[in-house]
Amino acid sequence: MKFIIGNWKSNGTIEEKDAMFKSLKNVRTNNKIVLCLPFTLLDKNISHAHLGAQDISIHPNGAFTGDISGKMLKDAGVECVLVGHSERRLYHNETNDIVKNKAKVALDNQIVPIICIGETLEEKKTGRTMTAVKKMLLESIPDKYGDYIIAYEPRWAIGTGLTPTLEEISAVHETIFKALRGIEHEDTPILYGGSVNMDNASQISSLPHVDGLLIGGASLKSETFLPIINVVK
């Protein structure tokens, strides 16, 4: 089984959400389909896919206007949550320590954290991809062991249409796997994300240690999302 996770980011209306889940009704796959939706679209009554969120507060509750707590996400039917997405790290200055704490909060609320890691373009150009990715990984995962997922997204590939070569993806996933094996977490799924589309999804998902895909823009419409689901075996 592989994971196919769509991240809608700051997109989507109730009508568009309903249309997507209706289109998923006739999909036949052994893989796990998850949609990480904006807070306004979280609905425990959805079917034909699993429900994910895009962020979680480090606070359990209280006077933190705009924050959504783990308890609130669990109550909304959320099964997993993105933490440390590159856009959160870039635009909201989220550090590895913040991401680690958010992952802990998710686990405390029986929600699976999807911990996002990935190098910048500068790190890639200067040959520091492996070092940067491994450091981010080990500093972002929670001390408390529980079910979590790693999503490797090279930051320079997100939303740009640029994609690493298959050899580059394979090498990074091998590095992540070895790092996880070093702390006895080798069963942790490792996803690839970054300009995934129907043309490259099959090849990428077939690589060693690629346990699924994290998909951005292509997950917003059924005509681009369903073909990806259908080609991932």
C-alpha atoms as a PDB file:
ATOM      1  CA  MET A   1       0.000   0.000   0.000  1.00  0.00           C
ATOM      2  CA  LYS A   2       1.176   3.492  -0.843  1.00  0.00           C
ATOM      3  CA  PHE A   3      -0.054   6.879   0.350  1.00  0.00           C
ATOM      4  CA  ILE A   4      -1.462   9.420  -2.090  1.00  0.00           C
ATOM      5  CA  ILE A   5      -1.926  12.673  -0.202  1.00  0.00           C
ATOM      6  CA  GLY A   6      -3.377  15.820  -1.697  1.00  0.00           C
ATOM      7  CA  ASN A   7      -2.578  19.206  -0.158  1.00  0.00           C
ATOM      8  CA  TRP A   8      -5.121  21.837  -1.166  1.00  0.00           C
ATOM      9  CA  LYS A   9      -3.221  24.658   0.575  1.00  0.00           C
ATOM     10  CA  SER A  10      -5.295  27.898   0.570  1.00  0.00           C
ATOM     11  CA  ASN A  11      -7.693  26.684  -2.091  1.00  0.00           C
ATOM     12  CA  GLY A  12     -11.131  25.192  -2.272  1.00  0.00           C
ATOM     13  CA  THR A  13     -14.788  25.828  -1.562  1.00  0.00           C
ATOM     14  CA  ILE A  14     -17.412  23.543  -0.075  1.00  0.00           C
ATOM     15  CA  GLU A  15     -18.770  22.946  -3.574  1.00  0.00           C
ATOM     16  CA  GLU A  16     -15.336  21.983  -4.875  1.00  0.00           C
ATOM     17  CA  LYS A  17     -14.728  19.699  -1.895  1.00  0.00           C
ATOM     18  CA  ASP A  18     -18.057  17.937  -2.438  1.00  0.00           C
ATOM     19  CA  ALA A  19     -17.310  17.505  -6.147  1.00  0.00           C
ATOM     20  CA  MET A  20     -13.925  15.964  -5.398  1.00  0.00           C
ATOM     21  CA  PHE A  21     -15.266  13.432  -2.930  1.00  0.00           C
ATOM     22  CA  LYS A  22     -18.069  12.560  -5.311  1.00  0.00           C
ATOM     23  CA  SER A  23     -15.504  11.890  -8.049  1.00  0.00           C
ATOM     24  CA  LEU A  24     -13.536   9.636  -5.685  1.00  0.00           C
ATOM     25  CA  LYS A  25     -16.584   7.447  -5.178  1.00  0.00           C
ATOM     26  CA  ASN A  26     -15.823   5.233  -8.156  1.00  0.00           C
ATOM     27  CA  VAL A  27     -12.039   5.037  -7.672  1.00  0.00           C
ATOM     28  CA  ARG A  28     -10.716   1.548  -7.062  1.00  0.00           C
ATOM     29  CA  THR A  29      -7.311   1.399  -5.420  1.00  0.00           C
ATOM     30  CA  ASN A  30      -5.479  -0.462  -2.685  1.00  0.00           C
ATOM     31  CA  ASN A  31      -3.622   2.716  -1.781  1.00  0.00           C
ATOM     32  CA  LYS A  32      -4.564   5.153   0.977  1.00  0.00           C
ATOM     33  CA  ILE A  33      -6.010   8.403  -0.354  1.00  0.00           C
ATOM     34  CA  VAL A  34      -5.827  11.446   1.937  1.00  0.00           C
ATOM     35  CA  LEU A  35      -6.892  15.025   1.323  1.00  0.00           C
ATOM     36  CA  CYS A  36      -5.347  17.697   3.535  1.00  0.00           C
ATOM     37  CA  LEU A  37      -7.960  20.430   3.361  1.00  0.00           C
ATOM     38  CA  PRO A  38      -8.172  24.002   4.674  1.00  0.00           C
ATOM     39  CA  PHE A  39      -9.699  24.271   8.133  1.00  0.00           C
ATOM     40  CA  THR A  40     -12.959  25.615   6.654  1.00  0.00           C
ATOM     41  CA  LEU A  41     -13.518  22.375   4.715  1.00  0.00           C
ATOM     42  CA  LEU A  42     -12.795  19.810   7.430  1.00  0.00           C
ATOM     43  CA  ASP A  43     -15.788  17.505   7.694  1.00  0.00           C
ATOM     44  CA  LYS A  44     -15.936  14.244   9.627  1.00  0.00           C
ATOM     45  CA  ASN A  45     -18.780  13.050   7.371  1.00  0.00           C
ATOM     46  CA  ILE A  46     -16.654  12.753   4.214  1.00  0.00           C
ATOM     47  CA  SER A  47     -16.239   9.372   2.558  1.00  0.00           C
ATOM     48  CA  HIS A  48     -14.129   7.691  -0.143  1.00  0.00           C
ATOM     49  CA  ALA A  49     -10.902   9.190   1.260  1.00  0.00           C
ATOM     50  CA  HIS A  50      -9.223  10.004   4.550  1.00  0.00           C
ATOM     51  CA  LEU A  51      -9.247  13.475   6.051  1.00  0.00           C
ATOM     52  CA  GLY A  52      -6.092  15.444   6.737  1.00  0.00           C
ATOM     53  CA  ALA A  53      -5.329  18.975   7.939  1.00  0.00           C
ATOM     54  CA  GLN A  54      -2.552  21.348   6.914  1.00  0.00           C
ATOM     55  CA  ASP A  55      -1.341  22.576  10.298  1.00  0.00           C
ATOM     56  CA  ILE A  56      -1.814  22.137  14.028  1.00  0.00           C
ATOM     57  CA  SER A  57      -1.286  24.442  16.982  1.00  0.00           C
ATOM     58  CA  ILE A  58       1.440  23.722  19.513  1.00  0.00           C
ATOM     59  CA  HIS A  59      -1.045  24.856  22.186  1.00  0.00           C
ATOM     60  CA  PRO A  60      -3.682  22.471  23.603  1.00  0.00           C
ATOM     61  CA  ASN A  61      -6.239  25.309  23.940  1.00  0.00           C
ATOM     62  CA  GLY A  62      -6.588  28.823  25.286  1.00  0.00           C
ATOM     63  CA  ALA A  63      -6.220  32.430  24.165  1.00  0.00           C
ATOM     64  CA  PHE A  64      -4.445  31.807  20.864  1.00  0.00           C
ATOM     65  CA  THR A  65      -6.614  33.479  18.252  1.00  0.00           C
ATOM     66  CA  GLY A  66      -6.493  31.733  14.896  1.00  0.00           C
ATOM     67  CA  ASP A  67      -4.868  28.541  16.203  1.00  0.00           C
ATOM     68  CA  ILE A  68      -6.559  25.178  15.714  1.00  0.00           C
ATOM     69  CA  SER A  69      -5.751  22.679  18.447  1.00  0.00           C
ATOM     70  CA  GLY A  70      -5.168  18.969  18.113  1.00  0.00           C
ATOM     71  CA  LYS A  71      -8.341  18.256  20.069  1.00  0.00           C
ATOM     72  CA  MET A  72     -10.336  20.387  17.633  1.00  0.00           C
ATOM     73  CA  LEU A  73      -8.816  18.605  14.635  1.00  0.00           C
ATOM     74  CA  LYS A  74      -9.552  15.204  16.142  1.00  0.00           C
ATOM     75  CA  ASP A  75     -13.137  16.278  16.804  1.00  0.00           C
ATOM     76  CA  ALA A  76     -13.442  17.288  13.129  1.00  0.00           C
ATOM     77  CA  GLY A  77     -12.463  13.776  12.039  1.00  0.00           C
ATOM     78  CA  VAL A  78      -8.859  14.509  11.059  1.00  0.00           C
ATOM     79  CA  GLU A  79      -6.626  11.438  10.842  1.00  0.00           C
ATOM     80  CA  CYS A  80      -3.339  13.055   9.831  1.00  0.00           C
ATOM     81  CA  VAL A  81      -1.835  16.529   9.621  1.00  0.00           C
ATOM     82  CA  LEU A  82       0.971  18.200   7.705  1.00  0.00           C
ATOM     83  CA  VAL A  83       3.641  19.736   9.920  1.00  0.00           C
ATOM     84  CA  GLY A  84       6.623  21.739   8.740  1.00  0.00           C
ATOM     85  CA  HIS A  85       5.546  22.173   5.146  1.00  0.00           C
ATOM     86  CA  SER A  86       8.134  24.327   3.378  1.00  0.00           C
ATOM     87  CA  GLU A  87       5.614  27.147   3.005  1.00  0.00           C
ATOM     88  CA  ARG A  88       5.069  27.153   6.770  1.00  0.00           C
ATOM     89  CA  ARG A  89       8.819  27.144   7.327  1.00  0.00           C
ATOM     90  CA  LEU A  90       9.328  29.954   4.803  1.00  0.00           C
ATOM     91  CA  TYR A  91       6.378  32.264   5.439  1.00  0.00           C
ATOM     92  CA  HIS A  92       5.801  31.581   9.143  1.00  0.00           C
ATOM     93  CA  ASN A  93       9.397  31.028  10.242  1.00  0.00           C
ATOM     94  CA  GLU A  94       8.714  27.552  11.590  1.00  0.00           C
ATOM     95  CA  THR A  95      11.886  25.954  12.913  1.00  0.00           C
ATOM     96  CA  ASN A  96      12.713  22.281  13.304  1.00  0.00           C
ATOM     97  CA  ASP A  97      11.944  22.618  17.004  1.00  0.00           C
ATOM     98  CA  ILE A  98       8.475  24.034  16.315  1.00  0.00           C
ATOM     99  CA  VAL A  99       7.804  21.256  13.817  1.00  0.00           C
ATOM    100  CA  LYS A 100       8.937  18.657  16.342  1.00  0.00           C
ATOM    101  CA  ASN A 101       6.579  20.085  18.969  1.00  0.00           C
ATOM    102  CA  LYS A 102       3.682  20.115  16.512  1.00  0.00           C
ATOM    103  CA  ALA A 103       4.363  16.475  15.679  1.00  0.00           C
ATOM    104  CA  LYS A 104       4.258  15.661  19.401  1.00  0.00           C
ATOM    105  CA  VAL A 105       0.918  17.438  19.772  1.00  0.00           C
ATOM    106  CA  ALA A 106      -0.477  15.483  16.835  1.00  0.00           C
ATOM    107  CA  LEU A 107       0.617  12.171  18.351  1.00  0.00           C
ATOM    108  CA  ASP A 108      -0.840  13.175  21.723  1.00  0.00           C
ATOM    109  CA  ASN A 109      -4.191  13.551  19.953  1.00  0.00           C
ATOM    110  CA  GLN A 110      -3.947  10.279  17.997  1.00  0.00           C
ATOM    111  CA  ILE A 111      -3.335  12.146  14.742  1.00  0.00           C
ATOM    112  CA  VAL A 112      -0.557  11.005  12.420  1.00  0.00           C
ATOM    113  CA  PRO A 113       1.894  13.832  11.667  1.00  0.00           C
ATOM    114  CA  ILE A 114       3.241  14.109   8.117  1.00  0.00           C
ATOM    115  CA  ILE A 115       6.607  15.744   8.752  1.00  0.00           C
ATOM    116  CA  CYS A 116       7.837  17.700   5.731  1.00  0.00           C
ATOM    117  CA  ILE A 117      11.529  18.175   5.008  1.00  0.00           C
ATOM    118  CA  GLY A 118      13.519  19.390   2.016  1.00  0.00           C
ATOM    119  CA  GLU A 119      16.498  21.428   0.897  1.00  0.00           C
ATOM    120  CA  THR A 120      16.576  24.931  -0.538  1.00  0.00           C
ATOM    121  CA  LEU A 121      17.904  25.758  -3.991  1.00  0.00           C
ATOM    122  CA  GLU A 122      21.044  27.241  -2.431  1.00  0.00           C
ATOM    123  CA  GLU A 123      21.671  24.037  -0.465  1.00  0.00           C
ATOM    124  CA  LYS A 124      21.221  22.011  -3.629  1.00  0.00           C
ATOM    125  CA  LYS A 125      23.581  24.196  -5.670  1.00  0.00           C
ATOM    126  CA  THR A 126      26.282  23.983  -3.009  1.00  0.00           C
ATOM    127  CA  GLY A 127      26.100  20.204  -2.680  1.00  0.00           C
ATOM    128  CA  ARG A 128      24.535  20.205   0.784  1.00  0.00           C
ATOM    129  CA  THR A 129      21.283  18.394  -0.025  1.00  0.00           C
ATOM    130  CA  MET A 130      21.976  15.222   1.960  1.00  0.00           C
ATOM    131  CA  THR A 131      23.382  17.061   4.973  1.00  0.00           C
ATOM    132  CA  ALA A 132      20.482  19.538   5.054  1.00  0.00           C
ATOM    133  CA  VAL A 133      17.802  16.887   4.652  1.00  0.00           C
ATOM    134  CA  LYS A 134      19.257  14.580   7.302  1.00  0.00           C
ATOM    135  CA  LYS A 135      19.642  17.431   9.797  1.00  0.00           C
ATOM    136  CA  MET A 136      16.081  18.605   9.208  1.00  0.00           C
ATOM    137  CA  LEU A 137      14.803  15.045   9.571  1.00  0.00           C
ATOM    138  CA  LEU A 138      16.526  14.227  12.841  1.00  0.00           C
ATOM    139  CA  GLU A 139      15.683  17.605  14.404  1.00  0.00           C
ATOM    140  CA  SER A 140      12.005  17.529  13.367  1.00  0.00           C
ATOM    141  CA  ILE A 141      10.885  14.044  14.370  1.00  0.00           C
ATOM    142  CA  PRO A 142       9.371  13.609  17.827  1.00  0.00           C
ATOM    143  CA  ASP A 143      11.209  11.907  20.680  1.00  0.00           C
ATOM    144  CA  LYS A 144       8.012  10.062  21.503  1.00  0.00           C
ATOM    145  CA  TYR A 145       7.672   7.202  19.094  1.00  0.00           C
ATOM    146  CA  GLY A 146       4.373   6.850  17.285  1.00  0.00           C
ATOM    147  CA  ASP A 147       3.094   6.472  13.761  1.00  0.00           C
ATOM    148  CA  TYR A 148       4.390   9.320  11.675  1.00  0.00           C
ATOM    149  CA  ILE A 149       5.149   9.892   8.004  1.00  0.00           C
ATOM    150  CA  ILE A 150       8.048  11.714   6.375  1.00  0.00           C
ATOM    151  CA  ALA A 151       7.444  13.758   3.226  1.00  0.00           C
ATOM    152  CA  TYR A 152      10.512  14.797   1.260  1.00  0.00           C
ATOM    153  CA  GLU A 153       9.783  17.939  -0.748  1.00  0.00           C
ATOM    154  CA  PRO A 154      12.751  19.777  -2.260  1.00  0.00           C
ATOM    155  CA  ARG A 155      11.784  23.359  -1.501  1.00  0.00           C
ATOM    156  CA  TRP A 156      12.943  24.574  -4.902  1.00  0.00           C
ATOM    157  CA  ALA A 157      10.544  22.182  -6.676  1.00  0.00           C
ATOM    158  CA  ILE A 158       7.299  23.131  -4.941  1.00  0.00           C
ATOM    159  CA  GLY A 159       4.936  24.947  -7.284  1.00  0.00           C
ATOM    160  CA  THR A 160       7.709  25.647  -9.804  1.00  0.00           C
ATOM    161  CA  GLY A 161       7.121  22.821 -12.251  1.00  0.00           C
ATOM    162  CA  LEU A 162      10.710  21.717 -11.615  1.00  0.00           C
ATOM    163  CA  THR A 163      11.341  18.171 -10.471  1.00  0.00           C
ATOM    164  CA  PRO A 164      14.552  16.424  -9.397  1.00  0.00           C
ATOM    165  CA  THR A 165      15.755  13.569 -11.580  1.00  0.00           C
ATOM    166  CA  LEU A 166      14.692  10.078 -10.600  1.00  0.00           C
ATOM    167  CA  GLU A 167      18.283   9.430  -9.548  1.00  0.00           C
ATOM    168  CA  GLU A 168      18.258  12.472  -7.252  1.00  0.00           C
ATOM    169  CA  ILE A 169      14.951  11.486  -5.666  1.00  0.00           C
ATOM    170  CA  SER A 170      16.158   7.924  -5.174  1.00  0.00           C
ATOM    171  CA  ALA A 171      19.405   9.077  -3.550  1.00  0.00           C
ATOM    172  CA  VAL A 172      17.657  11.371  -1.070  1.00  0.00           C
ATOM    173  CA  HIS A 173      15.083   8.737  -0.132  1.00  0.00           C
ATOM    174  CA  GLU A 174      17.910   6.262   0.451  1.00  0.00           C
ATOM    175  CA  THR A 175      19.577   8.787   2.773  1.00  0.00           C
ATOM    176  CA  ILE A 176      16.324   9.341   4.676  1.00  0.00           C
ATOM    177  CA  PHE A 177      15.714   5.604   4.980  1.00  0.00           C
ATOM    178  CA  LYS A 178      19.215   4.979   6.346  1.00  0.00           C
ATOM    179  CA  ALA A 179      18.810   7.807   8.861  1.00  0.00           C
ATOM    180  CA  LEU A 180      15.501   6.351  10.033  1.00  0.00           C
ATOM    181  CA  ARG A 181      17.002   2.878  10.226  1.00  0.00           C
ATOM    182  CA  GLY A 182      19.746   4.328  12.406  1.00  0.00           C
ATOM    183  CA  ILE A 183      17.145   5.250  15.034  1.00  0.00           C
ATOM    184  CA  GLU A 184      15.127   2.050  14.490  1.00  0.00           C
ATOM    185  CA  HIS A 185      12.288   3.839  12.687  1.00  0.00           C
ATOM    186  CA  GLU A 186      12.893   2.146   9.331  1.00  0.00           C
ATOM    187  CA  ASP A 187       9.200   1.223   8.966  1.00  0.00           C
ATOM    188  CA  THR A 188       8.272   4.912   8.690  1.00  0.00           C
ATOM    189  CA  PRO A 189       6.719   5.702   5.284  1.00  0.00           C
ATOM    190  CA  ILE A 190       8.669   8.190   3.157  1.00  0.00           C
ATOM    191  CA  LEU A 191       6.696  10.211   0.602  1.00  0.00           C
ATOM    192  CA  TYR A 192       7.916  12.359  -2.266  1.00  0.00           C
ATOM    193  CA  GLY A 193       6.354  15.732  -3.057  1.00  0.00           C
ATOM    194  CA  GLY A 194       7.209  18.624  -5.352  1.00  0.00           C
ATOM    195  CA  SER A 195       5.579  19.232  -8.748  1.00  0.00           C
ATOM    196  CA  VAL A 196       4.073  15.748  -8.906  1.00  0.00           C
ATOM    197  CA  ASN A 197       1.740  15.281 -11.874  1.00  0.00           C
ATOM    198  CA  MET A 198       0.142  12.543 -13.956  1.00  0.00           C
ATOM    199  CA  ASP A 199       3.213  12.354 -16.206  1.00  0.00           C
ATOM    200  CA  ASN A 200       5.785  11.619 -13.511  1.00  0.00           C
ATOM    201  CA  ALA A 201       3.743  10.019 -10.705  1.00  0.00           C
ATOM    202  CA  SER A 202       4.139   6.420 -11.860  1.00  0.00           C
ATOM    203  CA  GLN A 203       7.919   6.549 -12.213  1.00  0.00           C
ATOM    204  CA  ILE A 204       8.502   8.422  -8.981  1.00  0.00           C
ATOM    205  CA  SER A 205       6.229   6.185  -6.917  1.00  0.00           C
ATOM    206  CA  SER A 206       8.006   3.099  -8.265  1.00  0.00           C
ATOM    207  CA  LEU A 207      11.401   4.135  -6.879  1.00  0.00           C
ATOM    208  CA  PRO A 208      12.904   2.311  -3.868  1.00  0.00           C
ATOM    209  CA  HIS A 209      11.894   3.783  -0.505  1.00  0.00           C
ATOM    210  CA  VAL A 210       9.189   5.956  -2.096  1.00  0.00           C
ATOM    211  CA  ASP A 211       6.093   4.922  -0.160  1.00  0.00           C
ATOM    212  CA  GLY A 212       3.738   7.430  -1.715  1.00  0.00           C
ATOM    213  CA  LEU A 213       3.249  10.948  -2.995  1.00  0.00           C
ATOM    214  CA  LEU A 214       2.360  14.355  -1.567  1.00  0.00           C
ATOM    215  CA  ILE A 215       0.584  16.304  -4.282  1.00  0.00           C
ATOM    216  CA  GLY A 216      -0.171  20.020  -4.404  1.00  0.00           C
ATOM    217  CA  GLY A 217      -1.866  21.738  -7.336  1.00  0.00           C
ATOM    218  CA  ALA A 218      -2.656  18.515  -9.191  1.00  0.00           C
ATOM    219  CA  SER A 219      -4.861  17.381  -6.288  1.00  0.00           C
ATOM    220  CA  LEU A 220      -7.303  20.267  -6.674  1.00  0.00           C
ATOM    221  CA  LYS A 221      -9.224  18.911  -9.658  1.00  0.00           C
ATOM    222  CA  SER A 222     -10.448  15.395 -10.326  1.00  0.00           C
ATOM    223  CA  GLU A 223      -9.207  15.466 -13.920  1.00  0.00           C
ATOM    224  CA  THR A 224      -5.606  15.784 -12.688  1.00  0.00           C
ATOM    225  CA  PHE A 225      -5.847  13.981  -9.337  1.00  0.00           C
ATOM    226  CA  LEU A 226      -7.635  10.793 -10.377  1.00  0.00           C
ATOM    227  CA  PRO A 227      -5.126   9.900 -13.136  1.00  0.00           C
ATOM    228  CA  ILE A 228      -2.347  10.071 -10.520  1.00  0.00           C
ATOM    229  CA  ILE A 229      -4.295   7.757  -8.220  1.00  0.00           C
ATOM    230  CA  ASN A 230      -4.840   5.328 -11.081  1.00  0.00           C
ATOM    231  CA  VAL A 231      -1.179   5.053 -12.108  1.00  0.00           C
ATOM    232  CA  VAL A 232       0.297   4.530  -8.628  1.00  0.00           C
ATOM    233  CA  LYS A 233       0.598   0.806  -8.041  1.00  0.00           C
END
